[in-house]
């Protein structure tokens, strides 16, 4: 006879990055068909995430300005897509998470303040910012100041050090960051999106250690 302990587990969020990594679909592509495929792929992830009462993330699938596509045109397509996909997420009582990426991954939005200003122009109000500390370390003058400035838009946090490794394996000063999150009343997930280095077990152990040191057991 096997007895299973009752454990309540929740899903923090569902990523959509596979749409870019595998298929090279993005929301700002010059091709209408690729933009359609990108939106439909994200739509399926939103539906799946909704079954787990979780939000979906738009990161790499946001795309970039390139080729003959102007920035104004790319932002118009992105605006339309976020309104559409945000509406779908709202019907499932979920937010939609938009992640500003560093300059080496996109030339759309790299900083939280610019992202928040763009999200304010949407008709839907459930599209929130995923604040990734790895990207912020590259782009923000001050991570705590950026979190304060975009406080009402923060919907999720990727808890990663300056080198995308576990907190404590890089050089980001995390005390002021955690203090800022407390000051703005952030009560969401700190999700460790990190490289499994030097190995998965060590990365997980260091993450647990960092949580205990910074937040408490």
Foldseek 3Di string as FASTA:
>chain_A
DDDDDDDDDADAEAELCCCCVPVVAAQQDPDPVSNVVLLVSQLVRLVVQLVRVYEYEDELRNDEDDDPRDLVSSLVSSLVSCLVSQVSNVVSVAAYEYEAAAPVRYPNGQALVVVLVSQVPHPDDRYAYEAEVLSCVRPPPDLLVRCLNNLVRHDHYAQAENVQAAPVPHDDPCQSVLVSCVVSPPDGDHHHRGDQPPHVVVRVVSNVVVCCVRPND
